[in-house]
Amino acid sequence: MGLIALAGFERDTILDRVRERTISARMAEKTLLDADRLIEGARSGGRNGYQQAARRSVAYGRTFRAAGLLHSKFGLSIPLVRLTADRFELFAVTTTDPA
């Protein structure tokens, strides 16, 4: 129950930041989906389900690896720059205190 409450608090914090306009709409959508996954993971799988959902939300996916490949092979940096900026915003939003 504690993990569900924690994920619910995170979701409420994200909604507060949307109202304050301190987070982009695209990032708000992603973080709300992540918070919902945390809640569902905790409900269905307890601590292990929560941990799996949390790992998925911060994992480097195929898109990031493809952007890295485009950058290293062809010098195309725009996709990597955008994904890196999104990742930084995600971590900045989820690790700072809203107060």
N, C-alpha and C. Protein backbone atom coordinates (compact mmCIF):
# COMPACT_ATOMS: atom_id res chain seq x y z
N MET A 1 0.81 -1.19 0.00
CA MET A 1 0.00 0.00 0.00
C MET A 1 0.86 1.25 0.00
N GLY A 2 1.99 1.20 0.66
CA GLY A 2 2.88 2.36 0.73
C GLY A 2 3.41 2.75 -0.64
N LEU A 3 3.76 1.76 -1.46
CA LEU A 3 4.28 2.06 -2.80
C LEU A 3 3.19 2.67 -3.68
N ILE A 4 1.97 2.21 -3.52
CA ILE A 4 0.86 2.78 -4.28
C ILE A 4 0.65 4.23 -3.86
N ALA A 5 0.72 4.49 -2.56
CA ALA A 5 0.58 5.86 -2.06
C ALA A 5 1.72 6.74 -2.56
N LEU A 6 2.93 6.20 -2.58
CA LEU A 6 4.08 6.96 -3.07
C LEU A 6 3.91 7.32 -4.55
N ALA A 7 3.52 6.36 -5.35
CA ALA A 7 3.30 6.61 -6.78
C ALA A 7 2.14 7.59 -6.98
N GLY A 8 1.12 7.48 -6.16
CA GLY A 8 0.00 8.42 -6.23
C GLY A 8 0.44 9.83 -5.89
N PHE A 9 1.31 9.97 -4.90
CA PHE A 9 1.86 11.28 -4.55
C PHE A 9 2.68 11.86 -5.70
N GLU A 10 3.46 10.99 -6.34
CA GLU A 10 4.24 11.44 -7.50
C GLU A 10 3.31 11.93 -8.61
N ARG A 11 2.24 11.21 -8.82
CA ARG A 11 1.26 11.60 -9.85
C ARG A 11 0.64 12.96 -9.50
N ASP A 12 0.28 13.16 -8.24
CA ASP A 12 -0.28 14.43 -7.80
C ASP A 12 0.73 15.57 -7.97
N THR A 13 1.99 15.29 -7.68
CA THR A 13 3.04 16.29 -7.84
C THR A 13 3.19 16.69 -9.30
N ILE A 14 3.13 15.72 -10.19
CA ILE A 14 3.22 16.00 -11.62
C ILE A 14 2.06 16.88 -12.06
N LEU A 15 0.86 16.56 -11.60
CA LEU A 15 -0.31 17.36 -11.94
C LEU A 15 -0.17 18.79 -11.41
N ASP A 16 0.40 18.96 -10.23
CA ASP A 16 0.65 20.30 -9.70
C ASP A 16 1.62 21.06 -10.60
N ARG A 17 2.64 20.38 -11.07
CA ARG A 17 3.62 21.04 -11.95
C ARG A 17 3.01 21.40 -13.30
N VAL A 18 2.06 20.60 -13.76
CA VAL A 18 1.36 20.93 -15.01
C VAL A 18 0.56 22.21 -14.80
N ARG A 19 -0.13 22.29 -13.67
CA ARG A 19 -0.92 23.49 -13.37
C ARG A 19 -0.03 24.72 -13.24
N GLU A 20 1.17 24.54 -12.67
CA GLU A 20 2.11 25.64 -12.51
C GLU A 20 2.87 25.95 -13.81
N ARG A 21 2.72 25.07 -14.79
CA ARG A 21 3.41 25.18 -16.08
C ARG A 21 4.93 25.16 -15.94
N THR A 22 5.40 24.31 -15.06
CA THR A 22 6.85 24.14 -14.89
C THR A 22 7.35 22.88 -15.56
N ILE A 23 6.47 22.21 -16.28
CA ILE A 23 6.84 20.99 -17.00
C ILE A 23 6.15 21.05 -18.36
N SER A 24 6.84 20.60 -19.38
CA SER A 24 6.25 20.61 -20.71
C SER A 24 5.11 19.60 -20.81
N ALA A 25 4.19 19.85 -21.73
CA ALA A 25 3.04 18.96 -21.89
C ALA A 25 3.48 17.56 -22.28
N ARG A 26 4.46 17.47 -23.17
CA ARG A 26 4.96 16.16 -23.61
C ARG A 26 5.58 15.39 -22.46
N MET A 27 6.37 16.10 -21.63
CA MET A 27 7.00 15.43 -20.50
C MET A 27 5.96 15.08 -19.43
N ALA A 28 4.95 15.92 -19.28
CA ALA A 28 3.88 15.63 -18.31
C ALA A 28 3.18 14.34 -18.69
N GLU A 29 2.90 14.18 -19.97
CA GLU A 29 2.23 12.96 -20.43
C GLU A 29 3.08 11.73 -20.12
N LYS A 30 4.38 11.82 -20.41
CA LYS A 30 5.27 10.68 -20.16
C LYS A 30 5.37 10.36 -18.67
N THR A 31 5.52 11.39 -17.85
CA THR A 31 5.68 11.12 -16.42
C THR A 31 4.38 10.63 -15.78
N LEU A 32 3.24 11.10 -16.29
CA LEU A 32 1.97 10.58 -15.78
C LEU A 32 1.79 9.12 -16.16
N LEU A 33 2.19 8.76 -17.37
CA LEU A 33 2.14 7.35 -17.77
C LEU A 33 3.06 6.50 -16.90
N ASP A 34 4.25 7.03 -16.61
CA ASP A 34 5.18 6.31 -15.75
C ASP A 34 4.61 6.12 -14.35
N ALA A 35 3.99 7.18 -13.81
CA ALA A 35 3.39 7.09 -12.48
C ALA A 35 2.25 6.07 -12.46
N ASP A 36 1.45 6.06 -13.53
CA ASP A 36 0.37 5.07 -13.62
C ASP A 36 0.93 3.65 -13.69
N ARG A 37 2.03 3.49 -14.42
CA ARG A 37 2.67 2.16 -14.49
C ARG A 37 3.19 1.73 -13.12
N LEU A 38 3.74 2.69 -12.36
CA LEU A 38 4.21 2.38 -11.01
C LEU A 38 3.06 1.91 -10.13
N ILE A 39 1.94 2.61 -10.22
CA ILE A 39 0.76 2.23 -9.43
C ILE A 39 0.29 0.84 -9.82
N GLU A 40 0.15 0.60 -11.11
CA GLU A 40 -0.31 -0.72 -11.57
C GLU A 40 0.70 -1.81 -11.24
N GLY A 41 1.98 -1.50 -11.38
CA GLY A 41 3.00 -2.48 -11.02
C GLY A 41 2.94 -2.85 -9.56
N ALA A 42 2.75 -1.86 -8.70
CA ALA A 42 2.65 -2.12 -7.26
C ALA A 42 1.38 -2.91 -6.94
N ARG A 43 0.29 -2.59 -7.61
CA ARG A 43 -0.97 -3.32 -7.36
C ARG A 43 -0.87 -4.77 -7.79
N SER A 44 -0.30 -4.99 -8.97
CA SER A 44 -0.29 -6.35 -9.50
C SER A 44 0.88 -7.19 -9.03
N GLY A 45 2.03 -6.55 -8.79
CA GLY A 45 3.20 -7.34 -8.44
C GLY A 45 3.89 -6.95 -7.16
N GLY A 46 3.27 -6.07 -6.38
CA GLY A 46 3.89 -5.66 -5.12
C GLY A 46 5.18 -4.91 -5.35
N ARG A 47 6.13 -5.13 -4.46
CA ARG A 47 7.41 -4.44 -4.55
C ARG A 47 8.15 -4.75 -5.85
N ASN A 48 8.14 -6.03 -6.26
CA ASN A 48 8.83 -6.40 -7.51
C ASN A 48 8.19 -5.74 -8.72
N GLY A 49 6.87 -5.67 -8.77
CA GLY A 49 6.19 -5.01 -9.87
C GLY A 49 6.50 -3.53 -9.93
N TYR A 50 6.57 -2.90 -8.75
CA TYR A 50 6.93 -1.48 -8.67
C TYR A 50 8.35 -1.27 -9.17
N GLN A 51 9.27 -2.11 -8.73
CA GLN A 51 10.67 -1.97 -9.14
C GLN A 51 10.84 -2.17 -10.65
N GLN A 52 10.14 -3.14 -11.21
CA GLN A 52 10.22 -3.36 -12.66
C GLN A 52 9.69 -2.15 -13.43
N ALA A 53 8.59 -1.59 -12.98
CA ALA A 53 8.03 -0.40 -13.64
C ALA A 53 8.97 0.79 -13.51
N ALA A 54 9.60 0.93 -12.35
CA ALA A 54 10.55 2.03 -12.13
C ALA A 54 11.77 1.88 -13.04
N ARG A 55 12.28 0.66 -13.17
CA ARG A 55 13.44 0.44 -14.05
C ARG A 55 13.10 0.75 -15.50
N ARG A 56 11.89 0.34 -15.92
CA ARG A 56 11.46 0.61 -17.30
C ARG A 56 11.37 2.10 -17.59
N SER A 57 10.96 2.87 -16.60
CA SER A 57 10.76 4.30 -16.84
C SER A 57 12.08 5.05 -17.03
N VAL A 58 13.18 4.53 -16.52
CA VAL A 58 14.47 5.21 -16.68
C VAL A 58 15.44 4.47 -17.59
N ALA A 59 15.03 3.36 -18.15
CA ALA A 59 15.91 2.57 -19.00
C ALA A 59 16.16 3.26 -20.34
N TYR A 60 17.32 3.01 -20.88
CA TYR A 60 17.62 3.46 -22.24
C TYR A 60 16.95 2.49 -23.20
N GLY A 61 16.09 2.99 -24.05
CA GLY A 61 15.37 2.15 -24.98
C GLY A 61 16.02 2.11 -26.34
N ARG A 62 15.34 1.46 -27.27
CA ARG A 62 15.84 1.35 -28.64
C ARG A 62 16.01 2.71 -29.30
N THR A 63 15.08 3.62 -28.99
CA THR A 63 15.14 4.95 -29.60
C THR A 63 16.42 5.67 -29.21
N PHE A 64 16.77 5.59 -27.94
CA PHE A 64 17.99 6.25 -27.47
C PHE A 64 19.22 5.61 -28.10
N ARG A 65 19.23 4.30 -28.18
CA ARG A 65 20.37 3.61 -28.80
C ARG A 65 20.46 3.96 -30.29
N ALA A 66 19.32 4.04 -30.97
CA ALA A 66 19.32 4.41 -32.39
C ALA A 66 19.83 5.84 -32.57
N ALA A 67 19.43 6.74 -31.68
CA ALA A 67 19.90 8.12 -31.75
C ALA A 67 21.41 8.18 -31.53
N GLY A 68 21.91 7.39 -30.61
CA GLY A 68 23.36 7.31 -30.39
C GLY A 68 24.09 6.78 -31.60
N LEU A 69 23.51 5.79 -32.25
CA LEU A 69 24.11 5.23 -33.47
C LEU A 69 24.12 6.27 -34.60
N LEU A 70 23.01 6.97 -34.77
CA LEU A 70 22.95 8.02 -35.80
C LEU A 70 24.01 9.09 -35.54
N HIS A 71 24.21 9.41 -34.29
CA HIS A 71 25.20 10.42 -33.95
C HIS A 71 26.62 9.93 -34.22
N SER A 72 26.90 8.71 -33.81
CA SER A 72 28.27 8.22 -33.96
C SER A 72 28.62 7.86 -35.40
N LYS A 73 27.67 7.33 -36.16
CA LYS A 73 27.96 6.90 -37.54
C LYS A 73 27.84 8.02 -38.56
N PHE A 74 26.82 8.89 -38.37
CA PHE A 74 26.52 9.87 -39.40
C PHE A 74 26.63 11.32 -38.93
N GLY A 75 26.92 11.52 -37.67
CA GLY A 75 27.05 12.88 -37.15
C GLY A 75 25.72 13.60 -36.96
N LEU A 76 24.61 12.87 -37.01
CA LEU A 76 23.29 13.47 -36.79
C LEU A 76 23.03 13.56 -35.30
N SER A 77 23.09 14.76 -34.76
CA SER A 77 23.00 14.90 -33.32
C SER A 77 21.62 15.33 -32.82
N ILE A 78 20.75 15.82 -33.68
CA ILE A 78 19.47 16.36 -33.23
C ILE A 78 18.63 15.33 -32.46
N PRO A 79 18.45 14.09 -32.95
CA PRO A 79 17.66 13.13 -32.16
C PRO A 79 18.27 12.85 -30.78
N LEU A 80 19.59 12.74 -30.72
CA LEU A 80 20.25 12.48 -29.45
C LEU A 80 20.13 13.67 -28.51
N VAL A 81 20.24 14.87 -29.06
CA VAL A 81 20.09 16.08 -28.24
C VAL A 81 18.69 16.15 -27.65
N ARG A 82 17.68 15.89 -28.45
CA ARG A 82 16.30 15.95 -27.95
C ARG A 82 16.04 14.90 -26.88
N LEU A 83 16.49 13.68 -27.11
CA LEU A 83 16.28 12.62 -26.13
C LEU A 83 17.04 12.90 -24.83
N THR A 84 18.24 13.44 -24.95
CA THR A 84 19.02 13.78 -23.76
C THR A 84 18.35 14.90 -22.98
N ALA A 85 17.82 15.90 -23.69
CA ALA A 85 17.10 17.00 -23.03
C ALA A 85 15.85 16.48 -22.33
N ASP A 86 15.13 15.57 -22.98
CA ASP A 86 13.94 14.98 -22.36
C ASP A 86 14.31 14.21 -21.10
N ARG A 87 15.39 13.46 -21.18
CA ARG A 87 15.83 12.66 -20.04
C ARG A 87 16.24 13.56 -18.87
N PHE A 88 16.95 14.63 -19.19
CA PHE A 88 17.34 15.58 -18.16
C PHE A 88 16.10 16.21 -17.51
N GLU A 89 15.13 16.61 -18.33
CA GLU A 89 13.91 17.20 -17.80
C GLU A 89 13.17 16.19 -16.91
N LEU A 90 13.12 14.96 -17.34
CA LEU A 90 12.47 13.91 -16.55
C LEU A 90 13.12 13.79 -15.18
N PHE A 91 14.44 13.72 -15.15
CA PHE A 91 15.14 13.58 -13.87
C PHE A 91 15.01 14.84 -13.04
N ALA A 92 15.03 16.01 -13.68
CA ALA A 92 14.89 17.27 -12.94
C ALA A 92 13.50 17.38 -12.30
N VAL A 93 12.51 16.94 -13.02
CA VAL A 93 11.13 17.02 -12.54
C VAL A 93 10.88 16.01 -11.42
N THR A 94 11.41 14.82 -11.55
CA THR A 94 11.10 13.77 -10.59
C THR A 94 12.00 13.77 -9.37
N THR A 95 13.06 14.55 -9.37
CA THR A 95 13.98 14.52 -8.22
C THR A 95 13.98 15.80 -7.41
N THR A 96 13.25 16.82 -7.83
CA THR A 96 13.24 18.07 -7.09
C THR A 96 11.97 18.19 -6.27
N ASP A 97 12.08 18.90 -5.19
CA ASP A 97 10.95 19.13 -4.29
C ASP A 97 10.12 20.30 -4.84
N PRO A 98 8.78 20.14 -4.98
CA PRO A 98 7.97 21.21 -5.54
C PRO A 98 7.82 22.42 -4.61
N ALA A 99 8.19 22.31 -3.37
CA ALA A 99 8.00 23.42 -2.42
C ALA A 99 9.03 24.51 -2.59
